[in-house]
Amino acid sequence: MNEQTTTARISVNSVPSVAGIAAGRKNRFATECTEGTERDFIMSDRLTSQIIGAAIEVHKCLGPGLLESIYEEALSFELESRGIPFRRQVDVDVIYKEHVIKGQRLDLLVADEVVVELKSVSRLPEAVTAQALSYLKATGLKRALVLNFGVPRMVAGIKRISL
């Protein structure tokens, strides 16, 4: 089964500032809000394109307005049916002055390469970008996807983040 627990560590000093992101300060990361059609997602990054394709399929079948946990289960089913390896609810520890603080979890970690954060809201808060960035720094990975299933068209709810 794909459900395994993994722990990553993050230093409090490396967490991006939510206020800095909201104020539009330049950071050393790139985000891309994706709008358009499914064809627009064909890129050199095949894995994230496959994840996005699976998310679009889930959204086509279920539509917006359900709980995040339902989309997580459906996307997990879709990824598994496509042969894409993933883990659910991966623990990420925060280190504060040499003290381990538990409680953060990645929604999905796909192929041990891409962090996937799922949301089901009508408007995505800016803090979600900071959350995804902190997960990237904690895991040492370079790519994340924020998938918001709460929008009428899935393509408007996809945000790519890379360090």
C-alpha atoms as a PDB file:
ATOM      1  CA  MET A   1       0.000   0.000   0.000  1.00  0.00           C
ATOM      2  CA  ASN A   2       1.172   3.566  -0.588  1.00  0.00           C
ATOM      3  CA  GLU A   3       0.358   4.896   2.887  1.00  0.00           C
ATOM      4  CA  GLN A   4       3.624   5.278   4.775  1.00  0.00           C
ATOM      5  CA  THR A   5       4.800   7.789   7.313  1.00  0.00           C
ATOM      6  CA  THR A   6       8.042   9.671   6.759  1.00  0.00           C
ATOM      7  CA  THR A   7       9.505  12.458   8.845  1.00  0.00           C
ATOM      8  CA  ALA A   8      11.417  15.478   7.551  1.00  0.00           C
ATOM      9  CA  ARG A   9      12.955  18.255   9.631  1.00  0.00           C
ATOM     10  CA  ILE A  10      12.781  22.002   9.078  1.00  0.00           C
ATOM     11  CA  SER A  11      14.516  24.824  10.883  1.00  0.00           C
ATOM     12  CA  VAL A  12      12.268  27.700  11.928  1.00  0.00           C
ATOM     13  CA  ASN A  13      14.744  30.149  10.374  1.00  0.00           C
ATOM     14  CA  SER A  14      14.183  28.656   6.926  1.00  0.00           C
ATOM     15  CA  VAL A  15      10.391  29.007   6.829  1.00  0.00           C
ATOM     16  CA  PRO A  16       9.303  31.677   4.332  1.00  0.00           C
ATOM     17  CA  SER A  17       7.577  34.714   5.749  1.00  0.00           C
ATOM     18  CA  VAL A  18       3.845  34.774   5.100  1.00  0.00           C
ATOM     19  CA  ALA A  19       3.907  38.558   5.461  1.00  0.00           C
ATOM     20  CA  GLY A  20       6.748  38.790   2.940  1.00  0.00           C
ATOM     21  CA  ILE A  21       4.847  36.707   0.421  1.00  0.00           C
ATOM     22  CA  ALA A  22       1.639  38.695   0.941  1.00  0.00           C
ATOM     23  CA  ALA A  23       3.570  41.955   0.518  1.00  0.00           C
ATOM     24  CA  GLY A  24       4.950  40.715  -2.787  1.00  0.00           C
ATOM     25  CA  ARG A  25       8.602  40.678  -1.737  1.00  0.00           C
ATOM     26  CA  LYS A  26      10.960  38.851  -4.060  1.00  0.00           C
ATOM     27  CA  ASN A  27      11.856  35.358  -2.923  1.00  0.00           C
ATOM     28  CA  ARG A  28      14.158  32.705  -4.299  1.00  0.00           C
ATOM     29  CA  PHE A  29      11.351  30.557  -5.615  1.00  0.00           C
ATOM     30  CA  ALA A  30       9.064  30.521  -8.584  1.00  0.00           C
ATOM     31  CA  THR A  31       5.327  30.091  -8.692  1.00  0.00           C
ATOM     32  CA  GLU A  32       3.101  29.695 -11.654  1.00  0.00           C
ATOM     33  CA  CYS A  33      -0.658  30.037 -11.506  1.00  0.00           C
ATOM     34  CA  THR A  34      -1.876  27.885 -14.302  1.00  0.00           C
ATOM     35  CA  GLU A  35      -4.840  28.956 -16.364  1.00  0.00           C
ATOM     36  CA  GLY A  36      -5.917  27.752 -19.746  1.00  0.00           C
ATOM     37  CA  THR A  37      -6.595  24.250 -20.946  1.00  0.00           C
ATOM     38  CA  GLU A  38      -5.251  20.829 -20.102  1.00  0.00           C
ATOM     39  CA  ARG A  39      -3.055  21.094 -23.199  1.00  0.00           C
ATOM     40  CA  ASP A  40      -1.243  24.060 -21.611  1.00  0.00           C
ATOM     41  CA  PHE A  41       0.134  21.701 -18.970  1.00  0.00           C
ATOM     42  CA  ILE A  42       2.218  19.616 -21.359  1.00  0.00           C
ATOM     43  CA  MET A  43       5.672  20.612 -20.232  1.00  0.00           C
ATOM     44  CA  SER A  44       9.113  19.097 -19.880  1.00  0.00           C
ATOM     45  CA  ASP A  45       8.196  18.142 -16.290  1.00  0.00           C
ATOM     46  CA  ARG A  46       6.355  14.932 -17.056  1.00  0.00           C
ATOM     47  CA  LEU A  47       5.649  13.968 -13.429  1.00  0.00           C
ATOM     48  CA  THR A  48       3.873  17.193 -12.470  1.00  0.00           C
ATOM     49  CA  SER A  49       1.963  17.030 -15.753  1.00  0.00           C
ATOM     50  CA  GLN A  50       0.809  13.509 -14.844  1.00  0.00           C
ATOM     51  CA  ILE A  51      -0.277  14.661 -11.370  1.00  0.00           C
ATOM     52  CA  ILE A  52      -2.175  17.596 -12.873  1.00  0.00           C
ATOM     53  CA  GLY A  53      -3.852  15.293 -15.399  1.00  0.00           C
ATOM     54  CA  ALA A  54      -4.995  13.032 -12.556  1.00  0.00           C
ATOM     55  CA  ALA A  55      -6.303  16.049 -10.594  1.00  0.00           C
ATOM     56  CA  ILE A  56      -8.234  17.308 -13.624  1.00  0.00           C
ATOM     57  CA  GLU A  57      -9.826  13.870 -14.013  1.00  0.00           C
ATOM     58  CA  VAL A  58     -10.879  13.858 -10.337  1.00  0.00           C
ATOM     59  CA  HIS A  59     -12.340  17.357 -10.678  1.00  0.00           C
ATOM     60  CA  LYS A  60     -14.211  16.413 -13.873  1.00  0.00           C
ATOM     61  CA  CYS A  61     -15.842  13.493 -12.070  1.00  0.00           C
ATOM     62  CA  LEU A  62     -16.543  15.072  -8.667  1.00  0.00           C
ATOM     63  CA  GLY A  63     -16.729  18.815  -9.358  1.00  0.00           C
ATOM     64  CA  PRO A  64     -16.070  21.476  -6.702  1.00  0.00           C
ATOM     65  CA  GLY A  65     -17.582  21.752  -3.231  1.00  0.00           C
ATOM     66  CA  LEU A  66     -16.527  18.568  -1.445  1.00  0.00           C
ATOM     67  CA  LEU A  67     -14.239  18.128   1.539  1.00  0.00           C
ATOM     68  CA  GLU A  68     -10.480  18.103   1.001  1.00  0.00           C
ATOM     69  CA  SER A  69     -10.300  14.569   2.397  1.00  0.00           C
ATOM     70  CA  ILE A  70     -12.603  13.306  -0.363  1.00  0.00           C
ATOM     71  CA  TYR A  71     -10.379  14.829  -3.049  1.00  0.00           C
ATOM     72  CA  GLU A  72      -7.313  13.319  -1.359  1.00  0.00           C
ATOM     73  CA  GLU A  73      -8.882   9.859  -1.450  1.00  0.00           C
ATOM     74  CA  ALA A  74     -10.032  10.270  -5.066  1.00  0.00           C
ATOM     75  CA  LEU A  75      -6.670  11.638  -6.233  1.00  0.00           C
ATOM     76  CA  SER A  76      -4.882   8.800  -4.439  1.00  0.00           C
ATOM     77  CA  PHE A  77      -7.100   6.308  -6.264  1.00  0.00           C
ATOM     78  CA  GLU A  78      -6.420   8.069  -9.585  1.00  0.00           C
ATOM     79  CA  LEU A  79      -2.636   8.169  -9.038  1.00  0.00           C
ATOM     80  CA  GLU A  80      -2.578   4.507  -8.076  1.00  0.00           C
ATOM     81  CA  SER A  81      -4.670   3.525 -11.114  1.00  0.00           C
ATOM     82  CA  ARG A  82      -2.152   5.384 -13.316  1.00  0.00           C
ATOM     83  CA  GLY A  83       0.818   3.620 -11.701  1.00  0.00           C
ATOM     84  CA  ILE A  84       2.218   6.810 -10.155  1.00  0.00           C
ATOM     85  CA  PRO A  85       3.888   6.092  -6.785  1.00  0.00           C
ATOM     86  CA  PHE A  86       2.903   8.295  -3.827  1.00  0.00           C
ATOM     87  CA  ARG A  87       2.627   8.474  -0.052  1.00  0.00           C
ATOM     88  CA  ARG A  88      -0.160  10.120   1.923  1.00  0.00           C
ATOM     89  CA  GLN A  89       0.009  12.265   5.059  1.00  0.00           C
ATOM     90  CA  VAL A  90       3.806  12.334   5.357  1.00  0.00           C
ATOM     91  CA  ASP A  91       4.943  13.805   8.697  1.00  0.00           C
ATOM     92  CA  VAL A  92       7.200  16.883   8.594  1.00  0.00           C
ATOM     93  CA  ASP A  93       8.908  17.982  11.819  1.00  0.00           C
ATOM     94  CA  VAL A  94       9.825  21.574  12.676  1.00  0.00           C
ATOM     95  CA  ILE A  95      12.983  22.160  14.721  1.00  0.00           C
ATOM     96  CA  TYR A  96      12.772  25.083  17.137  1.00  0.00           C
ATOM     97  CA  LYS A  97      15.951  25.707  19.167  1.00  0.00           C
ATOM     98  CA  GLU A  98      16.901  22.020  18.931  1.00  0.00           C
ATOM     99  CA  HIS A  99      13.366  21.035  19.989  1.00  0.00           C
ATOM    100  CA  VAL A 100      11.358  18.853  17.623  1.00  0.00           C
ATOM    101  CA  ILE A 101       7.793  20.041  17.068  1.00  0.00           C
ATOM    102  CA  LYS A 102       5.500  17.542  15.414  1.00  0.00           C
ATOM    103  CA  GLY A 103       2.208  18.174  13.718  1.00  0.00           C
ATOM    104  CA  GLN A 104       2.765  19.181  10.087  1.00  0.00           C
ATOM    105  CA  ARG A 105       1.898  16.723   7.335  1.00  0.00           C
ATOM    106  CA  LEU A 106       2.244  16.705   3.588  1.00  0.00           C
ATOM    107  CA  ASP A 107      -1.040  15.770   1.929  1.00  0.00           C
ATOM    108  CA  LEU A 108       0.772  13.760  -0.741  1.00  0.00           C
ATOM    109  CA  LEU A 109       4.376  13.095  -1.659  1.00  0.00           C
ATOM    110  CA  VAL A 110       4.488  11.810  -5.235  1.00  0.00           C
ATOM    111  CA  ALA A 111       7.396   9.641  -6.388  1.00  0.00           C
ATOM    112  CA  ASP A 112       9.473  11.092  -3.534  1.00  0.00           C
ATOM    113  CA  GLU A 113       9.896  14.154  -5.785  1.00  0.00           C
ATOM    114  CA  VAL A 114       6.801  16.377  -5.710  1.00  0.00           C
ATOM    115  CA  VAL A 115       4.960  17.741  -2.681  1.00  0.00           C
ATOM    116  CA  VAL A 116       1.225  18.024  -3.354  1.00  0.00           C
ATOM    117  CA  GLU A 117      -0.881  20.268  -1.126  1.00  0.00           C
ATOM    118  CA  LEU A 118      -4.629  19.867  -1.575  1.00  0.00           C
ATOM    119  CA  LYS A 119      -7.229  22.522  -0.893  1.00  0.00           C
ATOM    120  CA  SER A 120     -10.959  22.887  -1.435  1.00  0.00           C
ATOM    121  CA  VAL A 121     -11.678  26.590  -1.053  1.00  0.00           C
ATOM    122  CA  SER A 122     -13.236  29.224  -3.289  1.00  0.00           C
ATOM    123  CA  ARG A 123     -10.205  31.522  -2.944  1.00  0.00           C
ATOM    124  CA  LEU A 124      -6.691  30.331  -2.135  1.00  0.00           C
ATOM    125  CA  PRO A 125      -5.071  32.201   0.804  1.00  0.00           C
ATOM    126  CA  GLU A 126      -1.522  33.547   0.316  1.00  0.00           C
ATOM    127  CA  ALA A 127      -0.368  31.512   3.330  1.00  0.00           C
ATOM    128  CA  VAL A 128      -0.729  28.327   1.269  1.00  0.00           C
ATOM    129  CA  THR A 129       2.289  29.346  -0.817  1.00  0.00           C
ATOM    130  CA  ALA A 130       4.361  29.812   2.355  1.00  0.00           C
ATOM    131  CA  GLN A 131       3.148  26.453   3.615  1.00  0.00           C
ATOM    132  CA  ALA A 132       4.186  24.695   0.403  1.00  0.00           C
ATOM    133  CA  LEU A 133       7.577  26.449   0.472  1.00  0.00           C
ATOM    134  CA  SER A 134       8.195  25.362   4.059  1.00  0.00           C
ATOM    135  CA  TYR A 135       7.416  21.791   3.033  1.00  0.00           C
ATOM    136  CA  LEU A 136       9.922  22.012   0.176  1.00  0.00           C
ATOM    137  CA  LYS A 137      12.614  23.321   2.480  1.00  0.00           C
ATOM    138  CA  ALA A 138      11.827  20.667   5.103  1.00  0.00           C
ATOM    139  CA  THR A 139      12.085  17.831   2.625  1.00  0.00           C
ATOM    140  CA  GLY A 140      14.912  19.228   0.487  1.00  0.00           C
ATOM    141  CA  LEU A 141      12.733  18.832  -2.597  1.00  0.00           C
ATOM    142  CA  LYS A 142      12.431  21.354  -5.415  1.00  0.00           C
ATOM    143  CA  ARG A 143       8.839  21.066  -6.702  1.00  0.00           C
ATOM    144  CA  ALA A 144       5.375  21.409  -5.210  1.00  0.00           C
ATOM    145  CA  LEU A 145       1.871  21.616  -6.554  1.00  0.00           C
ATOM    146  CA  VAL A 146      -1.011  23.308  -4.784  1.00  0.00           C
ATOM    147  CA  LEU A 147      -4.239  21.826  -6.122  1.00  0.00           C
ATOM    148  CA  ASN A 148      -7.407  23.698  -5.198  1.00  0.00           C
ATOM    149  CA  PHE A 149     -10.495  21.643  -6.008  1.00  0.00           C
ATOM    150  CA  GLY A 150     -12.852  24.380  -4.763  1.00  0.00           C
ATOM    151  CA  VAL A 151     -12.911  26.275  -8.064  1.00  0.00           C
ATOM    152  CA  PRO A 152     -15.350  25.768 -10.971  1.00  0.00           C
ATOM    153  CA  ARG A 153     -12.522  24.859 -13.417  1.00  0.00           C
ATOM    154  CA  MET A 154      -9.597  22.849 -12.088  1.00  0.00           C
ATOM    155  CA  VAL A 155      -7.090  24.586 -14.349  1.00  0.00           C
ATOM    156  CA  ALA A 156      -7.725  27.792 -12.379  1.00  0.00           C
ATOM    157  CA  GLY A 157      -6.906  26.000  -9.111  1.00  0.00           C
ATOM    158  CA  ILE A 158      -3.403  24.773  -9.934  1.00  0.00           C
ATOM    159  CA  LYS A 159      -0.281  26.476  -8.653  1.00  0.00           C
ATOM    160  CA  ARG A 160       3.232  25.172  -9.373  1.00  0.00           C
ATOM    161  CA  ILE A 161       5.957  26.108  -6.913  1.00  0.00           C
ATOM    162  CA  SER A 162       9.667  25.422  -7.327  1.00  0.00           C
ATOM    163  CA  LEU A 163      12.836  26.339  -5.474  1.00  0.00           C
END
